[in-house]
Amino acid sequence: MSMKLSNLLSVNHIIPELQSQSREGVIAEMVDYLVAIGDLPFELVADIRQSLKHREEILSTGVGNGVAIPHAFSEHLQEVVAVFGRSRGGIDFASQDGDLVHYVVLFISPRHIYQKHLLMLAAIARMFSRVETHQYLEASTSAEEFFQLFDQRSIPKKA
């Protein structure tokens, strides 16, 4: 089963420049963004933040290569909700390779789709392991450009 980020994200689910500079701040910013665009009920915010915080305490979701994939489960969601953000300055996510994180994919899955959750993690990690992906992302300035990458199987050519 092949998965692309465009299966999880639309242009509206992309934050071209994150404002927060800490791991906790970025996670809060991204959760608040999901509430603001109507994908996450406000009543779930406290539980989701706690789940994400707990996951980070177990092991940082900074997977290396400047990427973090904070993720959690919720009993109250029927579909996966996700958001992507970039930080040009970088965020200390206590990543396994010690590098700052510039790209964050946060997603929350219904608990009953555990297998799909694992496939998404693998697909995201695979995509961001490619040098061409990072080159394209560094040159991108808009949500539309980011989405174009996420909707491709190969890296689009930048003019």
C-alpha atoms as a PDB file:
ATOM      1  CA  MET A   1       0.000   0.000   0.000  1.00  0.00           C
ATOM      2  CA  SER A   2       1.531   3.263  -1.128  1.00  0.00           C
ATOM      3  CA  MET A   3       0.750   6.416   0.768  1.00  0.00           C
ATOM      4  CA  LYS A   4       1.382  10.043  -0.072  1.00  0.00           C
ATOM      5  CA  LEU A   5       1.181  13.011   2.281  1.00  0.00           C
ATOM      6  CA  SER A   6      -1.520  14.463   0.030  1.00  0.00           C
ATOM      7  CA  ASN A   7      -3.758  11.651   1.326  1.00  0.00           C
ATOM      8  CA  LEU A   8      -3.579  13.367   4.735  1.00  0.00           C
ATOM      9  CA  LEU A   9      -3.035  17.009   3.862  1.00  0.00           C
ATOM     10  CA  SER A  10      -4.616  19.675   1.721  1.00  0.00           C
ATOM     11  CA  VAL A  11      -3.216  23.137   1.011  1.00  0.00           C
ATOM     12  CA  ASN A  12      -5.175  24.285   4.095  1.00  0.00           C
ATOM     13  CA  HIS A  13      -3.185  21.843   6.259  1.00  0.00           C
ATOM     14  CA  ILE A  14       0.182  23.444   5.586  1.00  0.00           C
ATOM     15  CA  ILE A  15       1.852  26.139   7.699  1.00  0.00           C
ATOM     16  CA  PRO A  16       4.648  27.575   5.509  1.00  0.00           C
ATOM     17  CA  GLU A  17       6.385  29.204   8.488  1.00  0.00           C
ATOM     18  CA  LEU A  18       5.870  28.064  12.075  1.00  0.00           C
ATOM     19  CA  GLN A  19       6.112  30.851  14.646  1.00  0.00           C
ATOM     20  CA  SER A  20       6.991  28.847  17.749  1.00  0.00           C
ATOM     21  CA  GLN A  21      10.614  28.095  18.569  1.00  0.00           C
ATOM     22  CA  SER A  22      10.241  25.265  21.092  1.00  0.00           C
ATOM     23  CA  ARG A  23       9.056  21.693  20.700  1.00  0.00           C
ATOM     24  CA  GLU A  24       6.127  22.250  23.085  1.00  0.00           C
ATOM     25  CA  GLY A  25       5.251  25.561  21.426  1.00  0.00           C
ATOM     26  CA  VAL A  26       5.244  24.094  17.926  1.00  0.00           C
ATOM     27  CA  ILE A  27       3.034  21.189  18.967  1.00  0.00           C
ATOM     28  CA  ALA A  28       0.583  23.629  20.629  1.00  0.00           C
ATOM     29  CA  GLU A  29       0.663  25.899  17.561  1.00  0.00           C
ATOM     30  CA  MET A  30      -0.109  23.008  15.238  1.00  0.00           C
ATOM     31  CA  VAL A  31      -2.913  21.612  17.412  1.00  0.00           C
ATOM     32  CA  ASP A  32      -4.433  25.106  17.653  1.00  0.00           C
ATOM     33  CA  TYR A  33      -4.192  25.401  13.873  1.00  0.00           C
ATOM     34  CA  LEU A  34      -6.172  22.164  13.458  1.00  0.00           C
ATOM     35  CA  VAL A  35      -8.855  23.624  15.733  1.00  0.00           C
ATOM     36  CA  ALA A  36      -8.855  26.914  13.796  1.00  0.00           C
ATOM     37  CA  ILE A  37      -9.445  25.184  10.444  1.00  0.00           C
ATOM     38  CA  GLY A  38     -12.223  23.042  11.930  1.00  0.00           C
ATOM     39  CA  ASP A  39     -10.490  19.650  11.851  1.00  0.00           C
ATOM     40  CA  LEU A  40     -10.196  19.171  15.601  1.00  0.00           C
ATOM     41  CA  PRO A  41     -12.970  19.885  18.110  1.00  0.00           C
ATOM     42  CA  PHE A  42     -11.842  22.323  20.805  1.00  0.00           C
ATOM     43  CA  GLU A  43     -13.058  19.883  23.495  1.00  0.00           C
ATOM     44  CA  LEU A  44     -10.313  17.442  22.461  1.00  0.00           C
ATOM     45  CA  VAL A  45      -7.401  19.913  22.645  1.00  0.00           C
ATOM     46  CA  ALA A  46      -6.352  19.166  26.247  1.00  0.00           C
ATOM     47  CA  ASP A  47      -6.425  15.386  25.703  1.00  0.00           C
ATOM     48  CA  ILE A  48      -4.598  15.594  22.359  1.00  0.00           C
ATOM     49  CA  ARG A  49      -1.893  17.870  23.764  1.00  0.00           C
ATOM     50  CA  GLN A  50      -1.431  15.519  26.711  1.00  0.00           C
ATOM     51  CA  SER A  51      -1.162  12.495  24.386  1.00  0.00           C
ATOM     52  CA  LEU A  52       1.396  14.265  22.196  1.00  0.00           C
ATOM     53  CA  LYS A  53       3.378  15.404  25.247  1.00  0.00           C
ATOM     54  CA  HIS A  54       3.360  11.872  26.655  1.00  0.00           C
ATOM     55  CA  ARG A  55       4.598  10.497  23.314  1.00  0.00           C
ATOM     56  CA  GLU A  56       7.489  13.004  23.290  1.00  0.00           C
ATOM     57  CA  GLU A  57       8.416  12.030  26.867  1.00  0.00           C
ATOM     58  CA  ILE A  58       8.721   8.363  25.856  1.00  0.00           C
ATOM     59  CA  LEU A  59      10.953   9.110  22.867  1.00  0.00           C
ATOM     60  CA  SER A  60      11.390  12.255  20.805  1.00  0.00           C
ATOM     61  CA  THR A  61       9.552  12.213  17.500  1.00  0.00           C
ATOM     62  CA  GLY A  62      12.506  14.086  16.001  1.00  0.00           C
ATOM     63  CA  VAL A  63      13.467  11.293  13.619  1.00  0.00           C
ATOM     64  CA  GLY A  64      16.547  12.933  12.119  1.00  0.00           C
ATOM     65  CA  ASN A  65      17.272  14.724   8.857  1.00  0.00           C
ATOM     66  CA  GLY A  66      15.602  17.861  10.244  1.00  0.00           C
ATOM     67  CA  VAL A  67      12.223  16.132  10.557  1.00  0.00           C
ATOM     68  CA  ALA A  68       9.833  15.529  13.464  1.00  0.00           C
ATOM     69  CA  ILE A  69       6.644  13.497  13.305  1.00  0.00           C
ATOM     70  CA  PRO A  70       4.665  14.136  16.500  1.00  0.00           C
ATOM     71  CA  HIS A  71       1.745  11.724  16.544  1.00  0.00           C
ATOM     72  CA  ALA A  72      -0.915  10.398  18.866  1.00  0.00           C
ATOM     73  CA  PHE A  73      -4.131   8.423  18.974  1.00  0.00           C
ATOM     74  CA  SER A  74      -7.596   9.568  19.959  1.00  0.00           C
ATOM     75  CA  GLU A  75     -10.655   7.539  20.857  1.00  0.00           C
ATOM     76  CA  HIS A  76     -12.818  10.460  19.720  1.00  0.00           C
ATOM     77  CA  LEU A  77     -11.755  10.864  16.092  1.00  0.00           C
ATOM     78  CA  GLN A  78     -13.192   9.001  13.128  1.00  0.00           C
ATOM     79  CA  GLU A  79     -10.532  10.118  10.632  1.00  0.00           C
ATOM     80  CA  VAL A  80      -6.854  11.042  10.719  1.00  0.00           C
ATOM     81  CA  VAL A  81      -6.166  14.752  11.158  1.00  0.00           C
ATOM     82  CA  ALA A  82      -2.782  16.108  10.127  1.00  0.00           C
ATOM     83  CA  VAL A  83      -0.856  19.321   9.598  1.00  0.00           C
ATOM     84  CA  PHE A  84       2.590  20.118   8.153  1.00  0.00           C
ATOM     85  CA  GLY A  85       4.754  23.038   9.159  1.00  0.00           C
ATOM     86  CA  ARG A  86       8.190  24.393   8.345  1.00  0.00           C
ATOM     87  CA  SER A  87      10.543  26.289  10.640  1.00  0.00           C
ATOM     88  CA  ARG A  88      13.371  27.987   8.767  1.00  0.00           C
ATOM     89  CA  GLY A  89      15.168  28.733  12.040  1.00  0.00           C
ATOM     90  CA  GLY A  90      14.829  25.204  13.365  1.00  0.00           C
ATOM     91  CA  ILE A  91      13.467  23.762  16.603  1.00  0.00           C
ATOM     92  CA  ASP A  92      15.247  21.644  19.194  1.00  0.00           C
ATOM     93  CA  PHE A  93      13.184  18.453  19.238  1.00  0.00           C
ATOM     94  CA  ALA A  94      15.894  16.453  21.036  1.00  0.00           C
ATOM     95  CA  SER A  95      16.209  14.565  17.735  1.00  0.00           C
ATOM     96  CA  GLN A  96      18.031  11.285  17.577  1.00  0.00           C
ATOM     97  CA  ASP A  97      20.750  12.846  15.364  1.00  0.00           C
ATOM     98  CA  GLY A  98      21.022  16.024  17.462  1.00  0.00           C
ATOM     99  CA  ASP A  99      20.056  18.303  14.541  1.00  0.00           C
ATOM    100  CA  LEU A 100      17.419  21.017  14.682  1.00  0.00           C
ATOM    101  CA  VAL A 101      14.031  20.212  13.148  1.00  0.00           C
ATOM    102  CA  HIS A 102      12.854  22.268  10.176  1.00  0.00           C
ATOM    103  CA  TYR A 103       9.906  20.133   9.010  1.00  0.00           C
ATOM    104  CA  VAL A 104       7.123  18.897  11.267  1.00  0.00           C
ATOM    105  CA  VAL A 105       4.297  16.551  10.313  1.00  0.00           C
ATOM    106  CA  LEU A 106       1.842  16.261  13.207  1.00  0.00           C
ATOM    107  CA  PHE A 107      -0.974  13.778  12.974  1.00  0.00           C
ATOM    108  CA  ILE A 108      -3.606  12.264  15.225  1.00  0.00           C
ATOM    109  CA  SER A 109      -5.203   8.946  14.344  1.00  0.00           C
ATOM    110  CA  PRO A 110      -8.300   7.170  15.553  1.00  0.00           C
ATOM    111  CA  ARG A 111      -7.123   4.301  17.744  1.00  0.00           C
ATOM    112  CA  HIS A 112      -8.865   1.690  15.574  1.00  0.00           C
ATOM    113  CA  ILE A 113      -6.564   2.312  12.582  1.00  0.00           C
ATOM    114  CA  TYR A 114      -3.267   1.388  14.225  1.00  0.00           C
ATOM    115  CA  GLN A 115      -1.918  -0.383  11.111  1.00  0.00           C
ATOM    116  CA  LYS A 116      -2.613   2.621   8.871  1.00  0.00           C
ATOM    117  CA  HIS A 117      -0.938   4.836  11.499  1.00  0.00           C
ATOM    118  CA  LEU A 118       2.260   2.777  11.206  1.00  0.00           C
ATOM    119  CA  LEU A 119       2.131   2.926   7.403  1.00  0.00           C
ATOM    120  CA  MET A 120       1.801   6.709   7.558  1.00  0.00           C
ATOM    121  CA  LEU A 121       4.811   7.011   9.866  1.00  0.00           C
ATOM    122  CA  ALA A 122       6.891   4.886   7.507  1.00  0.00           C
ATOM    123  CA  ALA A 123       5.768   6.794   4.394  1.00  0.00           C
ATOM    124  CA  ILE A 124       6.533  10.178   5.969  1.00  0.00           C
ATOM    125  CA  ALA A 125       9.955   9.069   7.177  1.00  0.00           C
ATOM    126  CA  ARG A 126      10.763   7.599   3.757  1.00  0.00           C
ATOM    127  CA  MET A 127       9.752  10.751   1.908  1.00  0.00           C
ATOM    128  CA  PHE A 128      11.832  13.021   4.114  1.00  0.00           C
ATOM    129  CA  SER A 129      14.898  10.809   3.903  1.00  0.00           C
ATOM    130  CA  ARG A 130      15.489  11.939   0.316  1.00  0.00           C
ATOM    131  CA  VAL A 131      17.905  14.817  -0.343  1.00  0.00           C
ATOM    132  CA  GLU A 132      15.755  16.054  -3.243  1.00  0.00           C
ATOM    133  CA  THR A 133      12.792  16.433  -0.890  1.00  0.00           C
ATOM    134  CA  HIS A 134      14.777  18.739   1.381  1.00  0.00           C
ATOM    135  CA  GLN A 135      16.063  20.780  -1.571  1.00  0.00           C
ATOM    136  CA  TYR A 136      12.529  21.274  -2.859  1.00  0.00           C
ATOM    137  CA  LEU A 137      11.176  22.167   0.590  1.00  0.00           C
ATOM    138  CA  GLU A 138      13.934  24.702   1.201  1.00  0.00           C
ATOM    139  CA  ALA A 139      13.055  26.459  -2.056  1.00  0.00           C
ATOM    140  CA  SER A 140       9.287  26.383  -1.453  1.00  0.00           C
ATOM    141  CA  THR A 141       7.564  29.498  -0.166  1.00  0.00           C
ATOM    142  CA  SER A 142       3.848  28.726  -0.285  1.00  0.00           C
ATOM    143  CA  ALA A 143       1.421  26.106   0.943  1.00  0.00           C
ATOM    144  CA  GLU A 144       0.642  25.341  -2.709  1.00  0.00           C
ATOM    145  CA  GLU A 145       4.288  24.535  -3.460  1.00  0.00           C
ATOM    146  CA  PHE A 146       4.569  22.269  -0.423  1.00  0.00           C
ATOM    147  CA  PHE A 147       1.359  20.498  -1.400  1.00  0.00           C
ATOM    148  CA  GLN A 148       2.642  19.964  -4.947  1.00  0.00           C
ATOM    149  CA  LEU A 149       5.547  18.009  -3.482  1.00  0.00           C
ATOM    150  CA  PHE A 150       3.295  15.983  -1.174  1.00  0.00           C
ATOM    151  CA  ASP A 151       1.053  15.070  -4.095  1.00  0.00           C
ATOM    152  CA  GLN A 152       3.909  13.694  -6.220  1.00  0.00           C
ATOM    153  CA  ARG A 153       5.536  10.317  -6.271  1.00  0.00           C
ATOM    154  CA  SER A 154       8.678  12.053  -7.526  1.00  0.00           C
ATOM    155  CA  ILE A 155      10.078  15.464  -6.731  1.00  0.00           C
ATOM    156  CA  PRO A 156       8.594  18.204  -8.930  1.00  0.00           C
ATOM    157  CA  LYS A 157      11.073  20.303 -10.893  1.00  0.00           C
ATOM    158  CA  LYS A 158      11.401  23.857  -9.600  1.00  0.00           C
ATOM    159  CA  ALA A 159      11.733  26.531 -12.300  1.00  0.00           C
END
